[in-house]
Amino acid sequence: MPKIKTHKATAKRFKLSGSGKLLRTRGPKSHLRRKKAARVKRQFDEMFVVTERAIIRKVKRLAPYLK
């Protein structure tokens, strides 16, 4: 069985916590941030737990080797 290609945009936006929960960032990484307030930029860096099962299933299919 060949390896599955990882969807790179998904791999950049999501990560797994130590306990195996799927986490996502709230906003963009660095693009279009110059005009934003410092408080807003800090909020973009926060990680949130993804609870919707449909999204978790899609992400695991798109990024099977997610760490």
Protein backbone atom coordinates (compact mmCIF):
# COMPACT_ATOMS: atom_id res chain seq x y z
CA MET A 1 0.00 0.00 0.00
CA PRO A 2 1.52 3.39 -0.98
CA LYS A 3 1.88 6.30 1.38
CA ILE A 4 -0.94 8.85 1.52
CA LYS A 5 -0.07 12.43 0.60
CA THR A 6 -0.68 15.00 3.34
CA HIS A 7 -2.80 18.06 2.51
CA LYS A 8 -0.27 20.76 3.46
CA ALA A 9 -2.78 23.55 4.19
CA THR A 10 -4.55 21.27 6.68
CA ALA A 11 -1.28 20.23 8.31
CA LYS A 12 -0.36 23.90 8.86
CA ARG A 13 -3.70 24.84 10.43
CA PHE A 14 -4.27 21.90 12.78
CA LYS A 15 -2.24 19.97 15.34
CA LEU A 16 -2.83 17.26 17.90
CA SER A 17 -2.46 17.86 21.64
CA GLY A 18 -0.60 15.46 23.90
CA SER A 19 -3.85 13.77 24.88
CA GLY A 20 -4.87 13.36 21.22
CA LYS A 21 -7.36 16.22 20.89
CA LEU A 22 -7.45 18.11 17.59
CA LEU A 23 -6.51 21.81 17.93
CA ARG A 24 -6.91 24.70 15.50
CA THR A 25 -5.81 28.32 15.42
CA ARG A 26 -8.41 31.06 15.36
CA GLY A 27 -7.08 33.10 12.45
CA PRO A 28 -4.35 33.60 9.84
CA LYS A 29 -0.72 32.86 10.68
CA SER A 30 1.06 35.98 9.43
CA HIS A 31 -0.74 37.28 6.34
CA LEU A 32 -2.60 40.62 6.70
CA ARG A 33 -1.64 41.19 10.32
CA ARG A 34 0.14 44.53 10.18
CA LYS A 35 -2.94 46.70 10.68
CA LYS A 36 -4.40 44.59 13.48
CA ALA A 37 -4.20 45.47 17.17
CA ALA A 38 -1.80 43.51 19.39
CA ARG A 39 -4.71 42.00 21.32
CA VAL A 40 -6.28 40.66 18.11
CA LYS A 41 -2.94 39.24 16.93
CA ARG A 42 -2.53 37.41 20.24
CA GLN A 43 -6.03 35.95 19.87
CA PHE A 44 -5.10 34.60 16.43
CA ASP A 45 -2.30 32.54 18.00
CA GLU A 46 -4.57 30.82 20.55
CA MET A 47 -5.33 27.15 19.93
CA PHE A 48 -8.91 25.87 20.28
CA VAL A 49 -10.14 22.30 20.62
CA VAL A 50 -12.16 21.08 17.64
CA THR A 51 -15.27 19.27 18.88
CA GLU A 52 -17.24 18.61 15.68
CA ARG A 53 -16.81 14.97 14.68
CA ALA A 54 -17.28 15.66 10.98
CA ILE A 55 -14.38 18.12 10.94
CA ILE A 56 -12.16 15.78 12.97
CA ARG A 57 -12.88 12.99 10.47
CA LYS A 58 -12.08 15.26 7.49
CA VAL A 59 -8.82 16.50 9.03
CA LYS A 60 -7.65 12.98 9.84
CA ARG A 61 -8.31 11.97 6.23
CA LEU A 62 -6.48 15.01 4.82
CA ALA A 63 -3.52 14.84 7.22
CA PRO A 64 -3.06 11.19 8.23
CA TYR A 65 0.43 11.70 9.67
CA LEU A 66 -0.45 14.73 11.81
CA LYS A 67 1.64 15.00 14.98
